[in-house]
Protein backbone atom coordinates (compact mmCIF):
# COMPACT_ATOMS: atom_id res chain seq x y z
CA UNK A 1 0.00 0.00 0.00
CA UNK A 2 0.93 3.65 -0.17
CA UNK A 3 2.61 3.91 3.21
CA UNK A 4 4.84 0.93 2.40
CA UNK A 5 5.29 1.61 -1.29
CA UNK A 6 4.85 -0.98 -4.03
CA UNK A 7 7.17 -2.82 -6.29
CA UNK A 8 7.87 -1.23 -9.64
CA UNK A 9 5.74 -1.80 -12.71
CA UNK A 10 8.43 -4.21 -14.05
CA UNK A 11 7.10 -6.78 -11.56
CA UNK A 12 3.63 -6.77 -13.15
CA UNK A 13 2.50 -7.33 -16.76
CA UNK A 14 2.67 -4.18 -18.90
CA UNK A 15 -0.93 -4.81 -20.00
CA UNK A 16 -3.59 -6.54 -17.93
CA UNK A 17 -7.36 -6.85 -18.12
CA UNK A 18 -9.67 -9.17 -16.21
CA UNK A 19 -12.99 -10.42 -17.51
CA UNK A 20 -15.94 -9.31 -15.39
CA UNK A 21 -19.66 -9.70 -15.73
CA UNK A 22 -21.18 -6.30 -16.52
CA UNK A 23 -24.11 -5.17 -14.40
CA UNK A 24 -25.89 -2.01 -15.50
CA UNK A 25 -27.60 -0.02 -12.79
CA UNK A 26 -31.37 -0.08 -12.89
CA UNK A 27 -32.04 3.05 -10.86
CA UNK A 28 -30.41 6.44 -10.36
CA UNK A 29 -29.01 5.45 -6.95
CA UNK A 30 -27.72 1.87 -7.27
CA UNK A 31 -24.37 2.32 -9.04
CA UNK A 32 -22.47 1.04 -6.00
CA UNK A 33 -24.62 -2.07 -5.63
CA UNK A 34 -24.26 -2.70 -9.36
CA UNK A 35 -20.49 -2.58 -8.94
CA UNK A 36 -20.75 -5.14 -6.14
CA UNK A 37 -22.76 -7.37 -8.48
CA UNK A 38 -19.94 -7.22 -11.03
CA UNK A 39 -17.67 -8.65 -8.33
CA UNK A 40 -19.95 -11.44 -7.14
CA UNK A 41 -19.90 -14.98 -8.56
CA UNK A 42 -23.01 -15.87 -10.62
CA UNK A 43 -24.98 -17.67 -7.91
CA UNK A 44 -24.55 -14.91 -5.33
CA UNK A 45 -25.27 -12.23 -7.92
CA UNK A 46 -28.53 -14.00 -8.77
CA UNK A 47 -29.42 -14.15 -5.07
CA UNK A 48 -28.86 -10.43 -4.68
CA UNK A 49 -30.88 -9.60 -7.79
CA UNK A 50 -33.77 -11.80 -6.69
CA UNK A 51 -33.85 -10.35 -3.18
CA UNK A 52 -32.69 -6.85 -4.11
CA UNK A 53 -35.18 -4.72 -2.19
CA UNK A 54 -35.22 -7.01 0.84
CA UNK A 55 -31.41 -6.89 1.06
CA UNK A 56 -31.36 -3.09 0.78
CA UNK A 57 -33.91 -2.90 3.58
CA UNK A 58 -32.09 -5.41 5.78
CA UNK A 59 -28.77 -3.62 5.30
CA UNK A 60 -30.44 -0.36 6.33
CA UNK A 61 -29.29 1.87 3.50
CA UNK A 62 -32.47 1.89 1.43
CA UNK A 63 -31.76 4.01 -1.63
CA UNK A 64 -28.65 5.75 -0.32
CA UNK A 65 -25.42 3.74 -0.30
CA UNK A 66 -22.09 4.89 1.08
CA UNK A 67 -18.86 3.01 0.53
CA UNK A 68 -19.01 1.46 3.99
CA UNK A 69 -22.43 0.04 3.06
CA UNK A 70 -20.88 -1.66 0.04
CA UNK A 71 -18.28 -3.22 2.34
CA UNK A 72 -20.97 -4.72 4.54
CA UNK A 73 -22.68 -6.01 1.40
CA UNK A 74 -19.44 -7.62 0.21
CA UNK A 75 -19.01 -9.17 3.66
CA UNK A 76 -22.55 -10.52 3.49
CA UNK A 77 -21.58 -12.39 0.31
CA UNK A 78 -18.19 -13.46 1.68
CA UNK A 79 -16.01 -11.41 -0.68
CA UNK A 80 -12.58 -10.65 0.79
CA UNK A 81 -11.74 -6.95 0.50
CA UNK A 82 -9.96 -3.96 2.01
CA UNK A 83 -11.54 -0.52 2.21
CA UNK A 84 -9.07 2.37 1.88
CA UNK A 85 -10.23 5.92 2.62
CA UNK A 86 -8.82 9.19 3.88
CA UNK A 87 -11.87 9.79 6.11
CA UNK A 88 -13.12 7.42 8.78
CA UNK A 89 -16.79 8.22 9.15
CA UNK A 90 -18.30 11.36 7.64
CA UNK A 91 -16.20 14.35 6.57
CA UNK A 92 -17.44 17.37 8.58
CA UNK A 93 -16.89 19.63 5.59
CA UNK A 94 -19.70 17.97 3.63
CA UNK A 95 -22.36 19.82 5.58
CA UNK A 96 -23.73 22.41 3.19
CA UNK A 97 -22.40 20.65 0.08
CA UNK A 98 -25.15 20.25 -2.51
CA UNK A 99 -24.55 16.52 -3.13
CA UNK A 100 -24.35 15.51 0.54
CA UNK A 101 -26.51 17.97 2.43
CA UNK A 102 -29.82 16.12 2.17
CA UNK A 103 -28.16 12.72 2.57
CA UNK A 104 -26.44 13.52 5.84
CA UNK A 105 -29.62 14.09 7.81
CA UNK A 106 -30.78 10.51 7.26
CA UNK A 107 -27.46 8.69 6.70
CA UNK A 108 -24.91 10.16 9.10
CA UNK A 109 -25.74 8.11 12.19
CA UNK A 110 -25.84 4.85 10.21
CA UNK A 111 -22.56 5.55 8.44
CA UNK A 112 -20.73 6.45 11.65
CA UNK A 113 -22.11 3.36 13.40
CA UNK A 114 -21.04 1.08 10.57
CA UNK A 115 -17.52 2.48 10.63
CA UNK A 116 -17.38 2.02 14.41
CA UNK A 117 -18.58 -1.59 14.17
CA UNK A 118 -16.60 -2.61 11.08
CA UNK A 119 -13.84 -4.38 12.98
CA UNK A 120 -16.35 -6.35 15.03
CA UNK A 121 -17.87 -7.70 11.83
CA UNK A 122 -14.53 -8.53 10.24
CA UNK A 123 -14.58 -5.65 7.75
CA UNK A 124 -11.11 -4.25 7.12
CA UNK A 125 -10.94 -0.45 6.89
CA UNK A 126 -7.68 1.43 6.60
CA UNK A 127 -7.27 5.21 6.69
CA UNK A 128 -4.81 5.83 3.88
CA UNK A 129 -4.26 7.10 0.38
CA UNK A 130 -3.50 4.71 -2.44
CA UNK A 131 -1.33 5.59 -5.42
CA UNK A 132 -1.57 4.71 -9.09
CA UNK A 133 1.25 2.22 -8.52
CA UNK A 134 -0.76 0.60 -5.72
CA UNK A 135 -3.76 0.32 -8.02
CA UNK A 136 -1.79 -1.19 -10.90
CA UNK A 137 -0.15 -3.77 -8.68
CA UNK A 138 -3.41 -4.74 -6.99
CA UNK A 139 -5.18 -5.20 -10.33
CA UNK A 140 -2.40 -7.44 -11.63
CA UNK A 141 -1.93 -9.49 -8.47
CA UNK A 142 -5.18 -9.56 -6.52
CA UNK A 143 -8.41 -8.46 -8.19
CA UNK A 144 -10.60 -5.55 -9.31
CA UNK A 145 -11.19 -2.30 -7.42
CA UNK A 146 -14.44 -0.49 -6.72
CA UNK A 147 -13.73 3.24 -6.87
CA UNK A 148 -15.79 6.21 -5.78
CA UNK A 149 -15.34 8.96 -8.37
CA UNK A 150 -16.73 12.32 -9.35
CA UNK A 151 -18.97 11.38 -12.25
CA UNK A 152 -18.51 14.84 -13.73
CA UNK A 153 -14.81 14.08 -14.20
CA UNK A 154 -15.18 10.62 -15.73
CA UNK A 155 -14.64 10.14 -19.44
CA UNK A 156 -14.00 7.35 -21.90
CA UNK A 157 -11.61 7.40 -24.85
CA UNK A 158 -13.52 4.60 -26.58
CA UNK A 159 -17.17 5.66 -26.34
CA UNK A 160 -16.26 9.35 -25.96
CA UNK A 161 -18.42 9.62 -22.86
CA UNK A 162 -18.11 13.11 -21.33
CA UNK A 163 -15.13 13.86 -23.59
CA UNK A 164 -16.61 17.05 -25.05
CA UNK A 165 -17.20 18.55 -21.61
CA UNK A 166 -13.66 17.66 -20.57
CA UNK A 167 -12.15 19.22 -23.70
CA UNK A 168 -14.19 22.39 -23.25
CA UNK A 169 -13.06 22.62 -19.64
CA UNK A 170 -9.44 22.45 -20.78
CA UNK A 171 -10.06 25.40 -23.09
CA UNK A 172 -12.38 27.38 -20.80
CA UNK A 173 -11.76 26.33 -17.19
CA UNK A 174 -14.75 26.33 -14.89
CA UNK A 175 -15.43 24.85 -11.48
CA UNK A 176 -16.71 21.26 -11.42
CA UNK A 177 -19.47 20.26 -9.04
CA UNK A 178 -19.38 16.88 -7.30
CA UNK A 179 -21.60 13.97 -8.22
CA UNK A 180 -20.57 10.69 -6.61
CA UNK A 181 -20.48 7.60 -8.84
CA UNK A 182 -18.99 4.14 -8.39
CA UNK A 183 -17.07 2.27 -11.09
CA UNK A 184 -15.04 -0.95 -11.22
CA UNK A 185 -11.41 -0.81 -12.32
CA UNK A 186 -10.59 -4.02 -14.17
CA UNK A 187 -7.30 -3.47 -16.02
CA UNK A 188 -4.56 -1.19 -17.24
CA UNK A 189 -2.06 -0.52 -20.01
CA UNK A 190 1.06 0.69 -18.26
CA UNK A 191 2.85 1.66 -21.47
CA UNK A 192 0.02 3.94 -22.55
CA UNK A 193 -0.79 4.97 -18.95
CA UNK A 194 -4.45 3.97 -19.26
CA UNK A 195 -6.95 2.28 -16.95
CA UNK A 196 -9.79 0.03 -18.08
CA UNK A 197 -13.01 0.24 -16.13
CA UNK A 198 -16.65 -0.75 -16.17
CA UNK A 199 -19.24 1.93 -15.61
CA UNK A 200 -22.64 0.68 -14.38
CA UNK A 201 -24.31 3.70 -15.96
CA UNK A 202 -23.57 2.14 -19.39
CA UNK A 203 -24.44 -1.13 -21.03
CA UNK A 204 -21.82 -3.85 -21.39
CA UNK A 205 -18.58 -2.15 -22.40
CA UNK A 206 -15.03 -1.44 -21.27
CA UNK A 207 -14.18 2.22 -20.83
CA UNK A 208 -10.64 3.60 -21.08
CA UNK A 209 -9.26 6.59 -19.18
CA UNK A 210 -5.76 7.93 -18.56
CA UNK A 211 -4.02 7.43 -15.23
CA UNK A 212 -3.88 11.20 -14.80
CA UNK A 213 -7.59 11.80 -15.43
CA UNK A 214 -8.61 8.85 -13.28
CA UNK A 215 -6.54 10.29 -10.46
CA UNK A 216 -8.40 13.56 -10.78
CA UNK A 217 -11.80 11.84 -10.76
CA UNK A 218 -11.06 9.57 -7.78
CA UNK A 219 -9.37 12.29 -5.70
CA UNK A 220 -12.02 14.94 -6.30
CA UNK A 221 -13.34 16.59 -3.14
CA UNK A 222 -16.28 14.48 -2.02
CA UNK A 223 -14.84 11.04 -2.78
CA UNK A 224 -12.65 10.73 0.34
CA UNK A 225 -10.46 8.80 -2.12
CA UNK A 226 -12.55 5.75 -1.33
CA UNK A 227 -11.37 2.49 -2.87
CA UNK A 228 -12.46 -1.08 -2.15
CA UNK A 229 -9.70 -3.50 -3.08
CA UNK A 230 -11.10 -6.93 -3.93
CA UNK A 231 -9.04 -10.05 -3.21
CA UNK A 232 -10.01 -12.96 -5.42
CA UNK A 233 -9.06 -16.50 -4.45
CA UNK A 234 -6.64 -16.79 -7.38
CA UNK A 235 -4.50 -13.95 -5.95
C-alpha atoms as a PDB file:
ATOM      1  CA  UNK A   1       0.000   0.000   0.000  1.00  0.00           C
ATOM      2  CA  UNK A   2       0.928   3.645  -0.170  1.00  0.00           C
ATOM      3  CA  UNK A   3       2.614   3.912   3.212  1.00  0.00           C
ATOM      4  CA  UNK A   4       4.840   0.934   2.396  1.00  0.00           C
ATOM      5  CA  UNK A   5       5.293   1.605  -1.286  1.00  0.00           C
ATOM      6  CA  UNK A   6       4.847  -0.978  -4.031  1.00  0.00           C
ATOM      7  CA  UNK A   7       7.173  -2.815  -6.294  1.00  0.00           C
ATOM      8  CA  UNK A   8       7.868  -1.233  -9.640  1.00  0.00           C
ATOM      9  CA  UNK A   9       5.744  -1.804 -12.711  1.00  0.00           C
ATOM     10  CA  UNK A  10       8.429  -4.213 -14.048  1.00  0.00           C
ATOM     11  CA  UNK A  11       7.098  -6.782 -11.564  1.00  0.00           C
ATOM     12  CA  UNK A  12       3.626  -6.765 -13.146  1.00  0.00           C
ATOM     13  CA  UNK A  13       2.496  -7.333 -16.756  1.00  0.00           C
ATOM     14  CA  UNK A  14       2.673  -4.184 -18.899  1.00  0.00           C
ATOM     15  CA  UNK A  15      -0.928  -4.813 -20.005  1.00  0.00           C
ATOM     16  CA  UNK A  16      -3.586  -6.536 -17.932  1.00  0.00           C
ATOM     17  CA  UNK A  17      -7.364  -6.853 -18.125  1.00  0.00           C
ATOM     18  CA  UNK A  18      -9.674  -9.173 -16.211  1.00  0.00           C
ATOM     19  CA  UNK A  19     -12.986 -10.416 -17.506  1.00  0.00           C
ATOM     20  CA  UNK A  20     -15.936  -9.314 -15.389  1.00  0.00           C
ATOM     21  CA  UNK A  21     -19.659  -9.699 -15.733  1.00  0.00           C
ATOM     22  CA  UNK A  22     -21.182  -6.301 -16.519  1.00  0.00           C
ATOM     23  CA  UNK A  23     -24.109  -5.172 -14.399  1.00  0.00           C
ATOM     24  CA  UNK A  24     -25.888  -2.009 -15.499  1.00  0.00           C
ATOM     25  CA  UNK A  25     -27.602  -0.016 -12.793  1.00  0.00           C
ATOM     26  CA  UNK A  26     -31.369  -0.083 -12.889  1.00  0.00           C
ATOM     27  CA  UNK A  27     -32.039   3.052 -10.865  1.00  0.00           C
ATOM     28  CA  UNK A  28     -30.413   6.436 -10.363  1.00  0.00           C
ATOM     29  CA  UNK A  29     -29.011   5.451  -6.952  1.00  0.00           C
ATOM     30  CA  UNK A  30     -27.719   1.867  -7.272  1.00  0.00           C
ATOM     31  CA  UNK A  31     -24.368   2.325  -9.039  1.00  0.00           C
ATOM     32  CA  UNK A  32     -22.471   1.040  -6.001  1.00  0.00           C
ATOM     33  CA  UNK A  33     -24.624  -2.071  -5.625  1.00  0.00           C
ATOM     34  CA  UNK A  34     -24.264  -2.699  -9.363  1.00  0.00           C
ATOM     35  CA  UNK A  35     -20.487  -2.581  -8.938  1.00  0.00           C
ATOM     36  CA  UNK A  36     -20.749  -5.142  -6.137  1.00  0.00           C
ATOM     37  CA  UNK A  37     -22.764  -7.367  -8.480  1.00  0.00           C
ATOM     38  CA  UNK A  38     -19.943  -7.221 -11.027  1.00  0.00           C
ATOM     39  CA  UNK A  39     -17.667  -8.648  -8.329  1.00  0.00           C
ATOM     40  CA  UNK A  40     -19.952 -11.444  -7.140  1.00  0.00           C
ATOM     41  CA  UNK A  41     -19.902 -14.980  -8.557  1.00  0.00           C
ATOM     42  CA  UNK A  42     -23.007 -15.866 -10.619  1.00  0.00           C
ATOM     43  CA  UNK A  43     -24.985 -17.666  -7.913  1.00  0.00           C
ATOM     44  CA  UNK A  44     -24.545 -14.912  -5.329  1.00  0.00           C
ATOM     45  CA  UNK A  45     -25.266 -12.228  -7.919  1.00  0.00           C
ATOM     46  CA  UNK A  46     -28.534 -13.996  -8.772  1.00  0.00           C
ATOM     47  CA  UNK A  47     -29.424 -14.148  -5.073  1.00  0.00           C
ATOM     48  CA  UNK A  48     -28.864 -10.427  -4.681  1.00  0.00           C
ATOM     49  CA  UNK A  49     -30.882  -9.595  -7.790  1.00  0.00           C
ATOM     50  CA  UNK A  50     -33.770 -11.803  -6.691  1.00  0.00           C
ATOM     51  CA  UNK A  51     -33.846 -10.351  -3.179  1.00  0.00           C
ATOM     52  CA  UNK A  52     -32.687  -6.851  -4.109  1.00  0.00           C
ATOM     53  CA  UNK A  53     -35.181  -4.722  -2.192  1.00  0.00           C
ATOM     54  CA  UNK A  54     -35.221  -7.006   0.841  1.00  0.00           C
ATOM     55  CA  UNK A  55     -31.409  -6.887   1.055  1.00  0.00           C
ATOM     56  CA  UNK A  56     -31.362  -3.086   0.777  1.00  0.00           C
ATOM     57  CA  UNK A  57     -33.907  -2.895   3.583  1.00  0.00           C
ATOM     58  CA  UNK A  58     -32.092  -5.412   5.784  1.00  0.00           C
ATOM     59  CA  UNK A  59     -28.772  -3.621   5.299  1.00  0.00           C
ATOM     60  CA  UNK A  60     -30.445  -0.365   6.330  1.00  0.00           C
ATOM     61  CA  UNK A  61     -29.294   1.874   3.500  1.00  0.00           C
ATOM     62  CA  UNK A  62     -32.473   1.887   1.431  1.00  0.00           C
ATOM     63  CA  UNK A  63     -31.757   4.013  -1.634  1.00  0.00           C
ATOM     64  CA  UNK A  64     -28.650   5.748  -0.321  1.00  0.00           C
ATOM     65  CA  UNK A  65     -25.424   3.740  -0.302  1.00  0.00           C
ATOM     66  CA  UNK A  66     -22.089   4.890   1.081  1.00  0.00           C
ATOM     67  CA  UNK A  67     -18.855   3.007   0.531  1.00  0.00           C
ATOM     68  CA  UNK A  68     -19.008   1.458   3.993  1.00  0.00           C
ATOM     69  CA  UNK A  69     -22.432   0.043   3.061  1.00  0.00           C
ATOM     70  CA  UNK A  70     -20.884  -1.663   0.041  1.00  0.00           C
ATOM     71  CA  UNK A  71     -18.281  -3.218   2.337  1.00  0.00           C
ATOM     72  CA  UNK A  72     -20.966  -4.719   4.544  1.00  0.00           C
ATOM     73  CA  UNK A  73     -22.682  -6.012   1.401  1.00  0.00           C
ATOM     74  CA  UNK A  74     -19.442  -7.622   0.206  1.00  0.00           C
ATOM     75  CA  UNK A  75     -19.005  -9.170   3.661  1.00  0.00           C
ATOM     76  CA  UNK A  76     -22.548 -10.524   3.493  1.00  0.00           C
ATOM     77  CA  UNK A  77     -21.585 -12.389   0.311  1.00  0.00           C
ATOM     78  CA  UNK A  78     -18.193 -13.463   1.679  1.00  0.00           C
ATOM     79  CA  UNK A  79     -16.014 -11.405  -0.681  1.00  0.00           C
ATOM     80  CA  UNK A  80     -12.585 -10.646   0.789  1.00  0.00           C
ATOM     81  CA  UNK A  81     -11.742  -6.952   0.502  1.00  0.00           C
ATOM     82  CA  UNK A  82      -9.961  -3.956   2.006  1.00  0.00           C
ATOM     83  CA  UNK A  83     -11.540  -0.516   2.208  1.00  0.00           C
ATOM     84  CA  UNK A  84      -9.073   2.369   1.881  1.00  0.00           C
ATOM     85  CA  UNK A  85     -10.232   5.918   2.615  1.00  0.00           C
ATOM     86  CA  UNK A  86      -8.823   9.186   3.876  1.00  0.00           C
ATOM     87  CA  UNK A  87     -11.867   9.795   6.112  1.00  0.00           C
ATOM     88  CA  UNK A  88     -13.116   7.421   8.782  1.00  0.00           C
ATOM     89  CA  UNK A  89     -16.788   8.223   9.146  1.00  0.00           C
ATOM     90  CA  UNK A  90     -18.296  11.358   7.637  1.00  0.00           C
ATOM     91  CA  UNK A  91     -16.203  14.349   6.574  1.00  0.00           C
ATOM     92  CA  UNK A  92     -17.437  17.366   8.579  1.00  0.00           C
ATOM     93  CA  UNK A  93     -16.892  19.632   5.586  1.00  0.00           C
ATOM     94  CA  UNK A  94     -19.696  17.965   3.631  1.00  0.00           C
ATOM     95  CA  UNK A  95     -22.356  19.824   5.576  1.00  0.00           C
ATOM     96  CA  UNK A  96     -23.733  22.409   3.189  1.00  0.00           C
ATOM     97  CA  UNK A  97     -22.397  20.655   0.080  1.00  0.00           C
ATOM     98  CA  UNK A  98     -25.151  20.247  -2.510  1.00  0.00           C
ATOM     99  CA  UNK A  99     -24.551  16.521  -3.128  1.00  0.00           C
ATOM    100  CA  UNK A 100     -24.347  15.512   0.540  1.00  0.00           C
ATOM    101  CA  UNK A 101     -26.511  17.966   2.430  1.00  0.00           C
ATOM    102  CA  UNK A 102     -29.825  16.119   2.174  1.00  0.00           C
ATOM    103  CA  UNK A 103     -28.160  12.716   2.570  1.00  0.00           C
ATOM    104  CA  UNK A 104     -26.435  13.523   5.836  1.00  0.00           C
ATOM    105  CA  UNK A 105     -29.621  14.086   7.812  1.00  0.00           C
ATOM    106  CA  UNK A 106     -30.782  10.511   7.262  1.00  0.00           C
ATOM    107  CA  UNK A 107     -27.464   8.694   6.704  1.00  0.00           C
ATOM    108  CA  UNK A 108     -24.907  10.161   9.096  1.00  0.00           C
ATOM    109  CA  UNK A 109     -25.740   8.107  12.189  1.00  0.00           C
ATOM    110  CA  UNK A 110     -25.839   4.848  10.213  1.00  0.00           C
ATOM    111  CA  UNK A 111     -22.563   5.548   8.439  1.00  0.00           C
ATOM    112  CA  UNK A 112     -20.732   6.448  11.650  1.00  0.00           C
ATOM    113  CA  UNK A 113     -22.108   3.360  13.401  1.00  0.00           C
ATOM    114  CA  UNK A 114     -21.041   1.076  10.567  1.00  0.00           C
ATOM    115  CA  UNK A 115     -17.521   2.477  10.634  1.00  0.00           C
ATOM    116  CA  UNK A 116     -17.377   2.021  14.410  1.00  0.00           C
ATOM    117  CA  UNK A 117     -18.580  -1.594  14.175  1.00  0.00           C
ATOM    118  CA  UNK A 118     -16.597  -2.606  11.083  1.00  0.00           C
ATOM    119  CA  UNK A 119     -13.838  -4.377  12.983  1.00  0.00           C
ATOM    120  CA  UNK A 120     -16.347  -6.354  15.030  1.00  0.00           C
ATOM    121  CA  UNK A 121     -17.874  -7.696  11.827  1.00  0.00           C
ATOM    122  CA  UNK A 122     -14.529  -8.528  10.241  1.00  0.00           C
ATOM    123  CA  UNK A 123     -14.582  -5.645   7.753  1.00  0.00           C
ATOM    124  CA  UNK A 124     -11.109  -4.250   7.122  1.00  0.00           C
ATOM    125  CA  UNK A 125     -10.943  -0.454   6.894  1.00  0.00           C
ATOM    126  CA  UNK A 126      -7.678   1.432   6.602  1.00  0.00           C
ATOM    127  CA  UNK A 127      -7.266   5.213   6.686  1.00  0.00           C
ATOM    128  CA  UNK A 128      -4.810   5.829   3.883  1.00  0.00           C
ATOM    129  CA  UNK A 129      -4.264   7.104   0.382  1.00  0.00           C
ATOM    130  CA  UNK A 130      -3.497   4.706  -2.442  1.00  0.00           C
ATOM    131  CA  UNK A 131      -1.326   5.588  -5.424  1.00  0.00           C
ATOM    132  CA  UNK A 132      -1.570   4.710  -9.093  1.00  0.00           C
ATOM    133  CA  UNK A 133       1.246   2.221  -8.522  1.00  0.00           C
ATOM    134  CA  UNK A 134      -0.758   0.600  -5.719  1.00  0.00           C
ATOM    135  CA  UNK A 135      -3.757   0.324  -8.016  1.00  0.00           C
ATOM    136  CA  UNK A 136      -1.787  -1.192 -10.895  1.00  0.00           C
ATOM    137  CA  UNK A 137      -0.147  -3.769  -8.679  1.00  0.00           C
ATOM    138  CA  UNK A 138      -3.408  -4.740  -6.986  1.00  0.00           C
ATOM    139  CA  UNK A 139      -5.184  -5.197 -10.328  1.00  0.00           C
ATOM    140  CA  UNK A 140      -2.404  -7.438 -11.626  1.00  0.00           C
ATOM    141  CA  UNK A 141      -1.928  -9.487  -8.471  1.00  0.00           C
ATOM    142  CA  UNK A 142      -5.183  -9.563  -6.523  1.00  0.00           C
ATOM    143  CA  UNK A 143      -8.408  -8.460  -8.187  1.00  0.00           C
ATOM    144  CA  UNK A 144     -10.602  -5.552  -9.315  1.00  0.00           C
ATOM    145  CA  UNK A 145     -11.187  -2.303  -7.415  1.00  0.00           C
ATOM    146  CA  UNK A 146     -14.445  -0.489  -6.721  1.00  0.00           C
ATOM    147  CA  UNK A 147     -13.732   3.242  -6.870  1.00  0.00           C
ATOM    148  CA  UNK A 148     -15.795   6.207  -5.784  1.00  0.00           C
ATOM    149  CA  UNK A 149     -15.337   8.960  -8.369  1.00  0.00           C
ATOM    150  CA  UNK A 150     -16.726  12.322  -9.346  1.00  0.00           C
ATOM    151  CA  UNK A 151     -18.973  11.383 -12.253  1.00  0.00           C
ATOM    152  CA  UNK A 152     -18.510  14.843 -13.734  1.00  0.00           C
ATOM    153  CA  UNK A 153     -14.811  14.083 -14.196  1.00  0.00           C
ATOM    154  CA  UNK A 154     -15.184  10.622 -15.727  1.00  0.00           C
ATOM    155  CA  UNK A 155     -14.643  10.135 -19.437  1.00  0.00           C
ATOM    156  CA  UNK A 156     -13.999   7.346 -21.904  1.00  0.00           C
ATOM    157  CA  UNK A 157     -11.607   7.404 -24.846  1.00  0.00           C
ATOM    158  CA  UNK A 158     -13.521   4.604 -26.577  1.00  0.00           C
ATOM    159  CA  UNK A 159     -17.167   5.657 -26.339  1.00  0.00           C
ATOM    160  CA  UNK A 160     -16.263   9.351 -25.964  1.00  0.00           C
ATOM    161  CA  UNK A 161     -18.424   9.622 -22.865  1.00  0.00           C
ATOM    162  CA  UNK A 162     -18.105  13.108 -21.326  1.00  0.00           C
ATOM    163  CA  UNK A 163     -15.125  13.860 -23.588  1.00  0.00           C
ATOM    164  CA  UNK A 164     -16.607  17.050 -25.054  1.00  0.00           C
ATOM    165  CA  UNK A 165     -17.199  18.551 -21.615  1.00  0.00           C
ATOM    166  CA  UNK A 166     -13.655  17.663 -20.568  1.00  0.00           C
ATOM    167  CA  UNK A 167     -12.148  19.221 -23.698  1.00  0.00           C
ATOM    168  CA  UNK A 168     -14.189  22.393 -23.254  1.00  0.00           C
ATOM    169  CA  UNK A 169     -13.061  22.617 -19.642  1.00  0.00           C
ATOM    170  CA  UNK A 170      -9.441  22.448 -20.784  1.00  0.00           C
ATOM    171  CA  UNK A 171     -10.065  25.402 -23.086  1.00  0.00           C
ATOM    172  CA  UNK A 172     -12.381  27.376 -20.801  1.00  0.00           C
ATOM    173  CA  UNK A 173     -11.757  26.330 -17.187  1.00  0.00           C
ATOM    174  CA  UNK A 174     -14.749  26.329 -14.889  1.00  0.00           C
ATOM    175  CA  UNK A 175     -15.434  24.846 -11.482  1.00  0.00           C
ATOM    176  CA  UNK A 176     -16.705  21.263 -11.419  1.00  0.00           C
ATOM    177  CA  UNK A 177     -19.468  20.256  -9.042  1.00  0.00           C
ATOM    178  CA  UNK A 178     -19.378  16.884  -7.301  1.00  0.00           C
ATOM    179  CA  UNK A 179     -21.604  13.966  -8.215  1.00  0.00           C
ATOM    180  CA  UNK A 180     -20.565  10.689  -6.607  1.00  0.00           C
ATOM    181  CA  UNK A 181     -20.476   7.601  -8.835  1.00  0.00           C
ATOM    182  CA  UNK A 182     -18.986   4.137  -8.390  1.00  0.00           C
ATOM    183  CA  UNK A 183     -17.071   2.271 -11.093  1.00  0.00           C
ATOM    184  CA  UNK A 184     -15.039  -0.953 -11.224  1.00  0.00           C
ATOM    185  CA  UNK A 185     -11.411  -0.806 -12.322  1.00  0.00           C
ATOM    186  CA  UNK A 186     -10.586  -4.017 -14.175  1.00  0.00           C
ATOM    187  CA  UNK A 187      -7.303  -3.472 -16.023  1.00  0.00           C
ATOM    188  CA  UNK A 188      -4.556  -1.185 -17.238  1.00  0.00           C
ATOM    189  CA  UNK A 189      -2.058  -0.525 -20.009  1.00  0.00           C
ATOM    190  CA  UNK A 190       1.061   0.691 -18.262  1.00  0.00           C
ATOM    191  CA  UNK A 191       2.852   1.661 -21.471  1.00  0.00           C
ATOM    192  CA  UNK A 192       0.020   3.940 -22.552  1.00  0.00           C
ATOM    193  CA  UNK A 193      -0.793   4.974 -18.953  1.00  0.00           C
ATOM    194  CA  UNK A 194      -4.448   3.972 -19.255  1.00  0.00           C
ATOM    195  CA  UNK A 195      -6.946   2.283 -16.949  1.00  0.00           C
ATOM    196  CA  UNK A 196      -9.794   0.027 -18.084  1.00  0.00           C
ATOM    197  CA  UNK A 197     -13.010   0.240 -16.131  1.00  0.00           C
ATOM    198  CA  UNK A 198     -16.652  -0.746 -16.166  1.00  0.00           C
ATOM    199  CA  UNK A 199     -19.245   1.931 -15.609  1.00  0.00           C
ATOM    200  CA  UNK A 200     -22.638   0.677 -14.377  1.00  0.00           C
ATOM    201  CA  UNK A 201     -24.309   3.701 -15.963  1.00  0.00           C
ATOM    202  CA  UNK A 202     -23.572   2.141 -19.385  1.00  0.00           C
ATOM    203  CA  UNK A 203     -24.437  -1.134 -21.026  1.00  0.00           C
ATOM    204  CA  UNK A 204     -21.817  -3.851 -21.394  1.00  0.00           C
ATOM    205  CA  UNK A 205     -18.581  -2.149 -22.402  1.00  0.00           C
ATOM    206  CA  UNK A 206     -15.032  -1.445 -21.272  1.00  0.00           C
ATOM    207  CA  UNK A 207     -14.176   2.224 -20.826  1.00  0.00           C
ATOM    208  CA  UNK A 208     -10.640   3.601 -21.081  1.00  0.00           C
ATOM    209  CA  UNK A 209      -9.255   6.586 -19.182  1.00  0.00           C
ATOM    210  CA  UNK A 210      -5.757   7.926 -18.559  1.00  0.00           C
ATOM    211  CA  UNK A 211      -4.017   7.425 -15.225  1.00  0.00           C
ATOM    212  CA  UNK A 212      -3.881  11.195 -14.801  1.00  0.00           C
ATOM    213  CA  UNK A 213      -7.589  11.800 -15.427  1.00  0.00           C
ATOM    214  CA  UNK A 214      -8.614   8.853 -13.279  1.00  0.00           C
ATOM    215  CA  UNK A 215      -6.538  10.286 -10.457  1.00  0.00           C
ATOM    216  CA  UNK A 216      -8.400  13.559 -10.784  1.00  0.00           C
ATOM    217  CA  UNK A 217     -11.800  11.840 -10.761  1.00  0.00           C
ATOM    218  CA  UNK A 218     -11.056   9.570  -7.784  1.00  0.00           C
ATOM    219  CA  UNK A 219      -9.369  12.293  -5.701  1.00  0.00           C
ATOM    220  CA  UNK A 220     -12.020  14.943  -6.304  1.00  0.00           C
ATOM    221  CA  UNK A 221     -13.338  16.585  -3.142  1.00  0.00           C
ATOM    222  CA  UNK A 222     -16.283  14.482  -2.019  1.00  0.00           C
ATOM    223  CA  UNK A 223     -14.843  11.042  -2.776  1.00  0.00           C
ATOM    224  CA  UNK A 224     -12.652  10.727   0.342  1.00  0.00           C
ATOM    225  CA  UNK A 225     -10.457   8.805  -2.119  1.00  0.00           C
ATOM    226  CA  UNK A 226     -12.554   5.751  -1.327  1.00  0.00           C
ATOM    227  CA  UNK A 227     -11.373   2.493  -2.873  1.00  0.00           C
ATOM    228  CA  UNK A 228     -12.463  -1.078  -2.153  1.00  0.00           C
ATOM    229  CA  UNK A 229      -9.703  -3.499  -3.085  1.00  0.00           C
ATOM    230  CA  UNK A 230     -11.104  -6.926  -3.926  1.00  0.00           C
ATOM    231  CA  UNK A 231      -9.041 -10.047  -3.209  1.00  0.00           C
ATOM    232  CA  UNK A 232     -10.005 -12.955  -5.419  1.00  0.00           C
ATOM    233  CA  UNK A 233      -9.060 -16.495  -4.454  1.00  0.00           C
ATOM    234  CA  UNK A 234      -6.643 -16.794  -7.380  1.00  0.00           C
ATOM    235  CA  UNK A 235      -4.496 -13.952  -5.952  1.00  0.00           C
END
